[in-house]
Amino acid sequence: MKRFVPYLIIALVLLGVSSCKNRKKSELPTIPVIDKALDEPSSIWYADFDRFPPKEDRSQFPIGVFDSGTGGLTVLEVILKSDYLDNIEGDMESDGIPDFTGEDFQYLADQANMPYGTYSSEGKADYLRELAVKDALFLLGDKYYERSSDKYAKGKKQRCKIIVIACNTATAYGLNDIQTLLELSGTGVKVIGVINAGVNATFDNILSSRKRDSLSVGVMATIGTIDSDAYRRTIMQVKKERAYEGFIQVVNQKGAGFAEAVDLEKDFVDLSLTAPRDSYRGPKLGDGPDDIKEELLDVYKFNFADNAVLYKKVNKKYTEFQLNSAANYARFHIVSLLEQLRQSPEQAPLKSVILGCTHYPFLLDTLNKTISELRSYRRNGKLIYAHLIADDFTFIDPAVFTAIECCKILREEKLMALRTRKGRVDAFISVPSYGVPTKNLEPDGGLTHDFKYGRAVGSEDVTTVVVPFSKDNLNPDNLKRIQKLVPYTYEKIKEKLN
């Protein structure tokens, strides 16, 4: 009988550990993909966190950053160039040395599954939460697909020591789930989202004037981010924390099609077209709150050159009107935000507009130009927008405070790489899996809208895979935009583009 005692003790210990783990999990609601990642070795999403290296061995690991597309490269650009802290003392003071000198990065653009902002309006918010967790699992993992036709992930990569969600929609819907995954994983890895960073930056701008005036804060974000109410709730929470006594009105503008236009999604922008098409899914002429108003065409000041607007006219009246450039989407949405404020009973001056989508800073020049035009716009000789725009108005890019928070966490955790060599960027992008039937693919190779938003939560089907950036999976026009607007990042990834 004695020879069975050790085995009995081991069994009881294991049972106790299992019970403790289950008790902990019961306190943290999980979605199916988290359960698979933690507890199901047979699942393709199983993460095997027991093999995750201990914290003391992770300083040389890369920083992981993900977004629904290439727009998150604006966040990475800010991080790479940031010099907000003293590298020796850690104080909030520039020292002429980039804060992340010597750090390596992994960037994931979940291009095949974007736009993230549409999932909630399609009734698929749960699937969006799953996508965000899968993005995190990729960065935490050590494998990738070398090409879309591969049946298995054969490429080897490093795991990431911290995760930055460079996507407002993914932060709004997936941050809590990723935090739950990481807490239950036992790895101690931290995750940062851009929403709190953007709101804190907004209040720093507000409080710099030491006033308690009534004011408005605009939020331009995807439909999904606005529907989540994450920015308004966070603004009101920080208002209370910062003891701001003045009235703050939040003006939300759903950026339908804006991010998609930046990424040249063909249902929103198709540079090859010269006439309207039936598949267009951007804003149209109409009287609804999200429509282009014909009476405001002189306010929007759309660019019609180079087929930037596709239209038809009958008897000098527009019968079809489709935006066909990212700049025109930018103009439409910032004018629409100001129109909301103009029609509001509370017309407190607009102090800031948070660019609540990582794609929007690509059009910052256009947005600033449009604000300048609105300041001087007159109707019947009267300025109708000038009083709505504060003299010290500014656009807020949450990326700056995201970079600062990331650096502070790594310093506190003693996870800075402290290398003397230059850091590198390994960039990855999701593409449709080779196994997806052709009926579910668009002519350009992307997933069809119905298939993309019709997939089931908790499935083991692999519909997209993650591969390295290459000229084969990046639109040439998008690549030119990346080169122009995030040149520092482009220099780090261009050598690996084949």
Protein backbone atom coordinates (compact mmCIF):
# COMPACT_ATOMS: atom_id res chain seq x y z
CA MET A 1 0.00 0.00 0.00
CA LYS A 2 2.88 2.39 0.83
CA ARG A 3 4.11 2.40 -2.76
CA PHE A 4 0.85 4.03 -3.86
CA VAL A 5 1.09 6.89 -1.35
CA PRO A 6 3.43 9.11 -3.44
CA TYR A 7 1.14 8.77 -6.45
CA LEU A 8 -1.86 9.60 -4.30
CA ILE A 9 -0.12 12.72 -2.97
CA ILE A 10 0.81 13.80 -6.50
CA ALA A 11 -2.77 13.27 -7.67
CA LEU A 12 -4.14 15.30 -4.78
CA VAL A 13 -1.66 18.12 -5.44
CA LEU A 14 -2.57 18.21 -9.10
CA LEU A 15 -6.24 18.18 -8.21
CA GLY A 16 -5.68 21.07 -5.84
CA VAL A 17 -3.81 23.09 -8.48
CA SER A 18 -6.52 22.37 -11.01
CA SER A 19 -9.24 23.37 -8.57
CA CYS A 20 -7.41 26.58 -7.74
CA LYS A 21 -7.05 27.42 -11.41
CA ASN A 22 -10.72 26.73 -12.10
CA ARG A 23 -11.74 28.82 -9.09
CA LYS A 24 -9.64 31.72 -10.43
CA LYS A 25 -11.12 31.33 -13.90
CA SER A 26 -14.64 31.36 -12.53
CA GLU A 27 -14.00 34.88 -11.25
CA LEU A 28 -12.89 36.07 -14.70
CA PRO A 29 -15.45 35.62 -17.49
CA THR A 30 -13.79 34.17 -20.58
CA ILE A 31 -14.69 33.79 -24.24
CA PRO A 32 -14.18 30.48 -26.11
CA VAL A 33 -10.82 31.36 -27.70
CA ILE A 34 -9.35 32.13 -24.25
CA ASP A 35 -10.51 28.76 -22.94
CA LYS A 36 -8.94 27.07 -25.97
CA ALA A 37 -5.68 28.99 -25.54
CA LEU A 38 -5.42 28.03 -21.86
CA ASP A 39 -6.90 24.55 -21.54
CA GLU A 40 -7.21 22.70 -24.85
CA PRO A 41 -3.88 21.31 -26.15
CA SER A 42 -5.67 19.87 -29.20
CA SER A 43 -6.91 23.31 -30.29
CA ILE A 44 -5.07 25.32 -32.94
CA TRP A 45 -5.36 28.29 -30.55
CA TYR A 46 -3.64 26.52 -27.63
CA ALA A 47 -0.86 28.77 -26.32
CA ASP A 48 1.04 26.40 -23.98
CA PHE A 49 1.91 29.21 -21.59
CA ASP A 50 3.84 26.77 -19.38
CA ARG A 51 6.64 27.12 -21.95
CA PHE A 52 6.64 30.91 -21.79
CA PRO A 53 10.09 32.11 -20.65
CA PRO A 54 10.37 33.59 -17.14
CA LYS A 55 10.31 37.35 -16.72
CA GLU A 56 14.04 37.63 -15.99
CA ASP A 57 14.81 36.20 -19.45
CA ARG A 58 12.57 38.54 -21.47
CA SER A 59 14.38 41.88 -21.64
CA GLN A 60 15.74 41.08 -25.10
CA PHE A 61 12.30 40.09 -26.41
CA PRO A 62 10.50 42.45 -28.83
CA ILE A 63 7.65 44.82 -28.08
CA GLY A 64 4.45 43.67 -29.79
CA VAL A 65 2.13 46.14 -31.53
CA PHE A 66 -1.07 45.27 -33.40
CA ASP A 67 -3.79 47.01 -35.36
CA SER A 68 -6.56 46.03 -37.75
CA GLY A 69 -4.41 47.25 -40.65
CA THR A 70 -1.41 49.39 -41.51
CA GLY A 71 -2.85 52.47 -39.77
CA GLY A 72 -1.27 51.35 -36.51
CA LEU A 73 2.12 52.08 -38.04
CA THR A 74 1.43 55.70 -37.04
CA VAL A 75 1.55 54.53 -33.42
CA LEU A 76 4.72 52.54 -34.06
CA GLU A 77 6.30 55.58 -35.73
CA VAL A 78 5.63 57.70 -32.65
CA ILE A 79 7.02 54.98 -30.38
CA LEU A 80 10.17 54.56 -32.45
CA LYS A 81 10.85 58.31 -32.54
CA SER A 82 9.69 59.15 -29.01
CA ASP A 83 12.01 61.08 -26.71
CA TYR A 84 9.82 62.07 -23.79
CA LEU A 85 11.77 60.51 -20.92
CA ASP A 86 15.28 60.79 -19.54
CA ASN A 87 16.80 57.41 -20.37
CA ILE A 88 18.90 57.37 -17.21
CA GLU A 89 16.58 58.78 -14.56
CA GLY A 90 13.22 58.02 -16.19
CA ASP A 91 11.95 61.56 -15.59
CA MET A 92 9.54 63.21 -18.04
CA GLU A 93 12.28 65.12 -19.80
CA SER A 94 13.77 64.78 -23.26
CA ASP A 95 17.45 63.86 -23.28
CA GLY A 96 18.11 63.71 -27.01
CA ILE A 97 18.11 59.90 -27.02
CA PRO A 98 15.07 57.97 -28.32
CA ASP A 99 13.28 56.27 -25.42
CA PHE A 100 13.24 52.89 -27.16
CA THR A 101 16.83 52.87 -28.40
CA GLY A 102 17.93 49.28 -29.00
CA GLU A 103 14.43 47.82 -28.69
CA ASP A 104 13.09 45.33 -31.23
CA PHE A 105 9.45 45.39 -32.34
CA GLN A 106 6.93 43.06 -33.91
CA TYR A 107 4.04 44.67 -35.75
CA LEU A 108 0.88 42.83 -36.78
CA ALA A 109 -1.59 44.29 -39.27
CA ASP A 110 -4.75 42.16 -39.25
CA GLN A 111 -5.54 43.36 -42.75
CA ALA A 112 -7.54 40.31 -43.86
CA ASN A 113 -10.08 40.82 -41.07
CA MET A 114 -10.42 44.60 -41.21
CA PRO A 115 -12.34 46.85 -40.89
CA TYR A 116 -12.77 46.11 -37.20
CA GLY A 117 -15.17 49.03 -36.84
CA THR A 118 -17.88 47.23 -38.79
CA TYR A 119 -18.19 44.08 -36.66
CA SER A 120 -20.44 45.62 -34.01
CA SER A 121 -22.87 47.06 -36.57
CA GLU A 122 -23.02 43.62 -38.20
CA GLY A 123 -23.95 42.06 -34.86
CA LYS A 124 -20.53 40.37 -34.60
CA ALA A 125 -18.97 42.16 -31.63
CA ASP A 126 -18.17 38.77 -30.05
CA TYR A 127 -16.17 37.79 -33.13
CA LEU A 128 -14.27 41.08 -32.92
CA ARG A 129 -13.36 40.27 -29.31
CA GLU A 130 -12.06 36.91 -30.53
CA LEU A 131 -9.98 38.56 -33.26
CA ALA A 132 -8.33 40.86 -30.72
CA VAL A 133 -7.38 37.89 -28.53
CA LYS A 134 -6.01 36.02 -31.55
CA ASP A 135 -3.86 39.05 -32.42
CA ALA A 136 -2.44 38.98 -28.90
CA LEU A 137 -1.88 35.21 -29.10
CA PHE A 138 0.14 35.68 -32.29
CA LEU A 139 2.43 38.24 -30.63
CA LEU A 140 2.78 36.02 -27.56
CA GLY A 141 3.58 33.01 -29.73
CA ASP A 142 6.76 31.91 -31.50
CA LYS A 143 5.48 30.87 -34.93
CA TYR A 144 4.19 32.40 -38.17
CA TYR A 145 3.23 31.25 -41.65
CA GLU A 146 5.94 31.83 -44.25
CA ARG A 147 3.32 32.01 -47.01
CA SER A 148 -0.46 31.78 -47.23
CA SER A 149 -0.31 28.43 -49.02
CA ASP A 150 1.42 26.71 -46.08
CA LYS A 151 -0.68 24.23 -44.15
CA TYR A 152 1.28 24.81 -40.95
CA ALA A 153 3.10 27.74 -39.38
CA LYS A 154 6.74 26.87 -40.08
CA GLY A 155 8.36 30.25 -39.42
CA LYS A 156 10.01 30.83 -36.04
CA LYS A 157 9.94 34.17 -34.22
CA GLN A 158 10.48 35.54 -30.74
CA ARG A 159 7.67 36.00 -28.25
CA CYS A 160 6.78 39.55 -27.19
CA LYS A 161 7.39 40.98 -23.71
CA ILE A 162 4.59 43.57 -23.78
CA ILE A 163 1.59 44.20 -26.07
CA VAL A 164 0.42 47.54 -27.40
CA ILE A 165 -3.07 47.62 -28.93
CA ALA A 166 -2.61 50.32 -31.58
CA CYS A 167 -6.28 50.10 -32.54
CA ASN A 168 -9.07 52.01 -30.84
CA THR A 169 -11.81 49.54 -31.80
CA ALA A 170 -9.76 46.56 -30.63
CA THR A 171 -9.05 48.42 -27.38
CA ALA A 172 -12.74 49.19 -26.86
CA TYR A 173 -13.88 45.63 -27.45
CA GLY A 174 -10.85 43.44 -26.71
CA LEU A 175 -8.71 45.05 -24.01
CA ASN A 176 -10.58 43.41 -21.12
CA ASP A 177 -10.41 39.99 -22.79
CA ILE A 178 -6.67 40.31 -23.44
CA GLN A 179 -6.13 41.40 -19.85
CA THR A 180 -8.07 38.32 -18.72
CA LEU A 181 -6.01 36.05 -21.00
CA LEU A 182 -2.76 37.48 -19.66
CA GLU A 183 -3.84 37.27 -16.02
CA LEU A 184 -4.88 33.64 -16.39
CA SER A 185 -1.77 32.81 -18.43
CA GLY A 186 0.50 33.48 -15.46
CA THR A 187 3.06 35.11 -17.75
CA GLY A 188 2.91 38.56 -16.19
CA VAL A 189 2.90 40.17 -19.64
CA LYS A 190 1.20 43.60 -19.70
CA VAL A 191 -1.07 45.12 -22.36
CA ILE A 192 -1.64 48.80 -23.20
CA GLY A 193 -4.61 50.25 -25.10
CA VAL A 194 -4.76 53.61 -26.88
CA ILE A 195 -8.08 54.93 -25.54
CA ASN A 196 -6.97 55.87 -22.02
CA ALA A 197 -3.78 57.31 -23.48
CA GLY A 198 -5.76 59.57 -25.82
CA VAL A 199 -8.14 60.77 -23.12
CA ASN A 200 -5.32 61.57 -20.69
CA ALA A 201 -3.57 63.54 -23.44
CA THR A 202 -6.80 65.45 -24.03
CA PHE A 203 -7.06 66.47 -20.37
CA ASP A 204 -3.41 67.46 -20.27
CA ASN A 205 -4.23 69.83 -23.13
CA ILE A 206 -7.38 71.11 -21.40
CA LEU A 207 -5.77 71.63 -18.01
CA SER A 208 -2.71 73.36 -19.45
CA SER A 209 -4.80 76.54 -19.63
CA ARG A 210 -5.78 76.16 -15.92
CA LYS A 211 -9.42 76.93 -16.71
CA ARG A 212 -12.72 75.35 -15.79
CA ASP A 213 -14.65 76.61 -18.79
CA SER A 214 -17.42 74.84 -20.64
CA LEU A 215 -16.00 73.15 -23.71
CA SER A 216 -16.53 70.39 -26.24
CA VAL A 217 -14.31 67.43 -27.02
CA GLY A 218 -14.74 65.70 -30.35
CA VAL A 219 -14.08 62.04 -30.98
CA MET A 220 -13.59 60.78 -34.52
CA ALA A 221 -13.55 56.99 -34.52
CA THR A 222 -14.89 53.92 -36.26
CA ILE A 223 -18.54 52.95 -35.93
CA GLY A 224 -17.56 50.14 -33.59
CA THR A 225 -15.52 52.37 -31.29
CA ILE A 226 -18.27 54.98 -31.06
CA ASP A 227 -20.96 52.34 -30.49
CA SER A 228 -18.89 50.91 -27.62
CA ASP A 229 -19.20 54.30 -25.84
CA ALA A 230 -15.64 53.71 -24.61
CA TYR A 231 -14.34 57.23 -25.27
CA ARG A 232 -17.28 59.07 -23.70
CA ARG A 233 -17.19 56.86 -20.62
CA THR A 234 -13.43 57.27 -20.27
CA ILE A 235 -13.63 61.05 -20.75
CA MET A 236 -16.21 61.33 -17.98
CA GLN A 237 -14.20 59.03 -15.73
CA VAL A 238 -10.98 61.05 -16.21
CA LYS A 239 -12.92 64.31 -15.81
CA LYS A 240 -13.91 63.13 -12.35
CA GLU A 241 -10.42 61.87 -11.53
CA ARG A 242 -8.85 65.16 -12.61
CA ALA A 243 -11.51 67.19 -10.74
CA TYR A 244 -12.37 69.24 -13.81
CA GLU A 245 -15.29 71.41 -12.75
CA GLY A 246 -16.42 72.81 -16.10
CA PHE A 247 -19.05 71.38 -18.43
CA ILE A 248 -17.68 69.01 -21.08
CA GLN A 249 -19.72 67.97 -24.08
CA VAL A 250 -18.52 64.95 -26.05
CA VAL A 251 -19.29 65.11 -29.78
CA ASN A 252 -18.96 61.68 -31.38
CA GLN A 253 -18.44 61.32 -35.12
CA LYS A 254 -18.69 57.83 -36.61
CA GLY A 255 -15.98 57.68 -39.27
CA ALA A 256 -17.84 55.37 -41.65
CA GLY A 257 -15.44 54.40 -44.41
CA PHE A 258 -12.58 56.65 -43.27
CA ALA A 259 -10.18 53.92 -42.10
CA GLU A 260 -11.21 51.70 -44.99
CA ALA A 261 -10.43 54.54 -47.42
CA VAL A 262 -6.95 54.95 -45.95
CA ASP A 263 -6.37 51.23 -46.50
CA LEU A 264 -7.87 51.48 -50.00
CA GLU A 265 -10.62 48.93 -49.36
CA LYS A 266 -12.32 48.68 -52.75
CA ASP A 267 -15.87 48.99 -51.42
CA PHE A 268 -14.89 52.47 -50.21
CA VAL A 269 -12.10 53.68 -52.52
CA ASP A 270 -11.19 52.22 -55.90
CA LEU A 271 -8.62 54.30 -57.75
CA SER A 272 -9.16 52.33 -60.96
CA LEU A 273 -12.76 53.52 -61.38
CA THR A 274 -14.12 56.46 -63.34
CA ALA A 275 -17.83 55.97 -62.60
CA PRO A 276 -19.99 54.95 -59.60
CA ARG A 277 -20.34 51.25 -58.79
CA ASP A 278 -23.03 49.18 -57.07
CA SER A 279 -20.65 47.77 -54.43
CA TYR A 280 -19.88 51.19 -52.87
CA ARG A 281 -20.44 51.17 -49.10
CA GLY A 282 -19.29 54.65 -48.10
CA PRO A 283 -21.51 57.66 -47.23
CA LYS A 284 -24.07 58.73 -49.83
CA LEU A 285 -26.18 61.79 -50.52
CA GLY A 286 -29.21 61.99 -48.26
CA ASP A 287 -30.88 63.64 -45.30
CA GLY A 288 -29.90 61.13 -42.60
CA PRO A 289 -27.42 61.90 -39.81
CA ASP A 290 -24.65 59.90 -41.53
CA ASP A 291 -25.33 61.13 -45.07
CA ILE A 292 -23.58 63.64 -47.29
CA LYS A 293 -25.77 66.75 -47.38
CA GLU A 294 -26.04 68.31 -50.83
CA GLU A 295 -26.57 71.74 -49.25
CA LEU A 296 -23.16 71.39 -47.55
CA LEU A 297 -21.12 70.61 -50.65
CA ASP A 298 -19.61 74.08 -50.58
CA VAL A 299 -18.57 73.44 -46.97
CA TYR A 300 -17.02 70.02 -47.57
CA LYS A 301 -14.98 71.40 -50.48
CA PHE A 302 -14.46 67.91 -51.88
CA ASN A 303 -11.70 67.44 -54.41
CA PHE A 304 -13.23 66.20 -57.66
CA ALA A 305 -9.94 65.81 -59.58
CA ASP A 306 -8.56 62.39 -60.51
CA ASN A 307 -11.94 60.72 -59.89
CA ALA A 308 -11.76 61.52 -56.15
CA VAL A 309 -15.57 61.76 -56.39
CA LEU A 310 -17.53 59.40 -58.62
CA TYR A 311 -20.91 60.77 -59.59
CA LYS A 312 -23.79 60.88 -62.06
CA LYS A 313 -26.01 63.84 -62.85
CA VAL A 314 -29.42 64.03 -64.49
CA ASN A 315 -30.75 67.49 -65.36
CA LYS A 316 -27.89 69.03 -63.33
CA LYS A 317 -29.00 67.06 -60.27
CA TYR A 318 -26.79 64.44 -58.62
CA THR A 319 -28.32 61.00 -58.86
CA GLU A 320 -25.24 59.19 -57.55
CA PHE A 321 -22.37 60.54 -55.44
CA GLN A 322 -19.52 58.40 -54.11
CA LEU A 323 -16.38 59.52 -52.26
CA ASN A 324 -13.28 58.00 -53.79
CA SER A 325 -10.31 59.35 -51.84
CA ALA A 326 -9.23 59.21 -48.21
CA ALA A 327 -8.89 63.01 -48.17
CA ASN A 328 -12.54 63.46 -49.11
CA TYR A 329 -13.59 61.06 -46.34
CA ALA A 330 -11.53 63.18 -43.91
CA ARG A 331 -13.26 66.37 -45.07
CA PHE A 332 -16.70 64.81 -44.82
CA HIS A 333 -16.25 63.57 -41.26
CA ILE A 334 -14.68 66.67 -39.71
CA VAL A 335 -17.37 68.88 -41.30
CA SER A 336 -20.04 66.47 -40.04
CA LEU A 337 -18.61 66.70 -36.51
CA LEU A 338 -18.75 70.52 -36.60
CA GLU A 339 -22.28 70.36 -38.02
CA GLN A 340 -23.31 68.18 -35.07
CA LEU A 341 -21.95 70.81 -32.72
CA ARG A 342 -23.60 73.65 -34.65
CA GLN A 343 -26.99 71.93 -34.39
CA SER A 344 -26.51 71.13 -30.69
CA PRO A 345 -28.28 73.12 -27.93
CA GLU A 346 -24.94 73.22 -26.10
CA GLN A 347 -22.46 74.98 -28.38
CA ALA A 348 -19.40 75.04 -26.15
CA PRO A 349 -16.22 75.70 -28.17
CA LEU A 350 -14.44 72.66 -29.54
CA LYS A 351 -11.15 72.38 -27.66
CA SER A 352 -9.84 69.10 -29.07
CA VAL A 353 -10.70 66.29 -31.43
CA ILE A 354 -9.32 62.89 -30.51
CA LEU A 355 -8.28 60.93 -33.59
CA GLY A 356 -9.75 57.72 -32.27
CA CYS A 357 -8.50 55.52 -35.07
CA THR A 358 -4.88 54.91 -35.94
CA HIS A 359 -5.61 55.44 -39.64
CA TYR A 360 -6.75 59.04 -39.22
CA PRO A 361 -3.37 60.72 -38.55
CA PHE A 362 -2.45 59.80 -42.13
CA LEU A 363 -4.82 62.64 -43.14
CA LEU A 364 -3.85 65.14 -40.43
CA ASP A 365 -2.82 67.77 -42.99
CA THR A 366 -6.23 67.58 -44.65
CA LEU A 367 -8.03 67.70 -41.29
CA ASN A 368 -6.08 70.79 -40.19
CA LYS A 369 -6.70 72.49 -43.52
CA THR A 370 -10.42 71.80 -43.27
CA ILE A 371 -10.57 73.26 -39.74
CA SER A 372 -8.82 76.38 -41.02
CA GLU A 373 -11.35 76.67 -43.85
CA LEU A 374 -14.25 76.24 -41.44
CA ARG A 375 -12.96 79.06 -39.24
CA SER A 376 -13.27 81.48 -42.15
CA TYR A 377 -16.36 80.00 -43.84
CA ARG A 378 -19.17 82.50 -44.26
CA ARG A 379 -22.82 82.01 -45.17
CA ASN A 380 -24.69 85.16 -46.14
CA GLY A 381 -21.69 87.10 -44.89
CA LYS A 382 -21.78 85.49 -41.43
CA LEU A 383 -19.13 83.24 -39.88
CA ILE A 384 -21.06 80.13 -38.85
CA TYR A 385 -18.31 77.85 -37.50
CA ALA A 386 -15.66 80.21 -36.09
CA HIS A 387 -17.29 80.53 -32.65
CA LEU A 388 -17.43 76.74 -32.36
CA ILE A 389 -13.65 76.26 -32.68
CA ALA A 390 -11.47 77.25 -29.73
CA ASP A 391 -8.51 79.50 -30.51
CA ASP A 392 -6.14 76.85 -29.16
CA PHE A 393 -7.95 73.94 -30.82
CA THR A 394 -5.83 70.87 -31.48
CA PHE A 395 -6.11 67.33 -32.79
CA ILE A 396 -5.05 64.68 -30.26
CA ASP A 397 -3.06 61.66 -31.42
CA PRO A 398 -3.24 59.03 -28.61
CA ALA A 399 0.00 57.46 -29.84
CA VAL A 400 2.22 59.86 -27.86
CA PHE A 401 0.86 58.87 -24.47
CA THR A 402 0.78 55.22 -25.52
CA ALA A 403 4.53 55.44 -26.13
CA ILE A 404 5.14 57.08 -22.75
CA GLU A 405 3.09 54.47 -20.87
CA CYS A 406 4.84 51.62 -22.67
CA CYS A 407 8.27 52.97 -21.78
CA LYS A 408 7.34 53.53 -18.14
CA ILE A 409 6.02 49.97 -17.74
CA LEU A 410 9.14 48.43 -19.27
CA ARG A 411 11.35 50.51 -16.99
CA GLU A 412 9.34 49.60 -13.89
CA GLU A 413 9.42 45.91 -14.85
CA LYS A 414 13.17 46.11 -15.63
CA LEU A 415 12.46 44.84 -19.14
CA MET A 416 14.26 47.46 -21.24
CA ALA A 417 16.63 45.79 -23.71
CA LEU A 418 19.45 48.33 -23.15
CA ARG A 419 21.18 47.32 -26.37
CA THR A 420 23.78 49.45 -28.10
CA ARG A 421 22.77 48.25 -31.56
CA LYS A 422 19.81 49.70 -33.44
CA GLY A 423 16.51 47.95 -32.90
CA ARG A 424 14.68 46.21 -35.72
CA VAL A 425 11.03 45.88 -36.77
CA ASP A 426 9.57 42.58 -37.95
CA ALA A 427 6.25 43.34 -39.62
CA PHE A 428 3.50 40.79 -40.23
CA ILE A 429 0.15 40.94 -41.98
CA SER A 430 -2.87 38.64 -42.09
CA VAL A 431 -4.03 37.27 -45.43
CA PRO A 432 -6.80 34.83 -46.40
CA SER A 433 -5.81 31.23 -45.85
CA TYR A 434 -5.09 29.07 -48.87
CA GLY A 435 -7.98 26.81 -47.83
CA VAL A 436 -10.70 29.47 -48.14
CA PRO A 437 -13.03 28.59 -51.08
CA THR A 438 -12.79 30.99 -54.03
CA LYS A 439 -16.51 31.83 -53.66
CA ASN A 440 -15.60 33.55 -50.39
CA LEU A 441 -12.90 35.70 -51.97
CA GLU A 442 -13.09 39.04 -53.75
CA PRO A 443 -11.39 39.47 -57.14
CA ASP A 444 -8.44 41.15 -55.38
CA GLY A 445 -8.04 38.11 -53.09
CA GLY A 446 -9.62 39.56 -49.94
CA LEU A 447 -12.45 37.95 -47.99
CA THR A 448 -15.94 38.81 -49.16
CA HIS A 449 -18.01 40.98 -46.85
CA ASP A 450 -20.62 38.27 -46.18
CA PHE A 451 -18.00 35.63 -45.39
CA LYS A 452 -15.88 37.96 -43.25
CA TYR A 453 -18.79 39.00 -41.05
CA GLY A 454 -20.53 35.63 -41.11
CA ARG A 455 -17.91 33.53 -39.35
CA ALA A 456 -18.75 31.77 -36.09
CA VAL A 457 -17.20 32.42 -32.68
CA GLY A 458 -15.14 29.56 -31.28
CA SER A 459 -14.50 27.86 -34.63
CA GLU A 460 -11.34 25.86 -35.30
CA ASP A 461 -11.42 26.90 -38.97
CA VAL A 462 -8.33 28.79 -40.13
CA THR A 463 -9.66 31.44 -42.50
CA THR A 464 -6.70 33.82 -42.25
CA VAL A 465 -3.01 33.32 -41.57
CA VAL A 466 -0.23 35.70 -40.57
CA VAL A 467 2.74 36.12 -42.91
CA PRO A 468 5.62 38.63 -43.15
CA PHE A 469 5.07 41.96 -44.90
CA SER A 470 5.91 41.73 -48.60
CA LYS A 471 5.19 43.62 -51.80
CA ASP A 472 2.80 40.81 -52.72
CA ASN A 473 0.46 41.49 -49.80
CA LEU A 474 0.74 45.29 -49.55
CA ASN A 475 -1.13 47.55 -51.94
CA PRO A 476 1.47 49.64 -53.86
CA ASP A 477 -0.44 52.87 -53.17
CA ASN A 478 -0.64 51.99 -49.48
CA LEU A 479 3.07 51.23 -49.45
CA LYS A 480 3.79 54.68 -50.91
CA ARG A 481 1.63 56.25 -48.21
CA ILE A 482 3.54 54.32 -45.54
CA GLN A 483 6.83 55.53 -47.01
CA LYS A 484 5.64 59.13 -46.99
CA LEU A 485 3.86 59.33 -43.64
CA VAL A 486 5.86 56.96 -41.43
CA PRO A 487 9.34 57.22 -42.98
CA TYR A 488 11.24 56.10 -39.87
CA THR A 489 9.21 52.88 -39.68
CA TYR A 490 9.44 52.38 -43.44
CA GLU A 491 13.23 52.49 -43.30
CA LYS A 492 13.19 49.67 -40.77
CA ILE A 493 10.84 47.41 -42.73
CA LYS A 494 11.81 48.13 -46.35
CA GLU A 495 14.84 45.86 -46.35
CA LYS A 496 12.63 42.86 -45.63
CA LEU A 497 10.05 43.66 -48.32
CA ASN A 498 10.47 41.24 -51.19
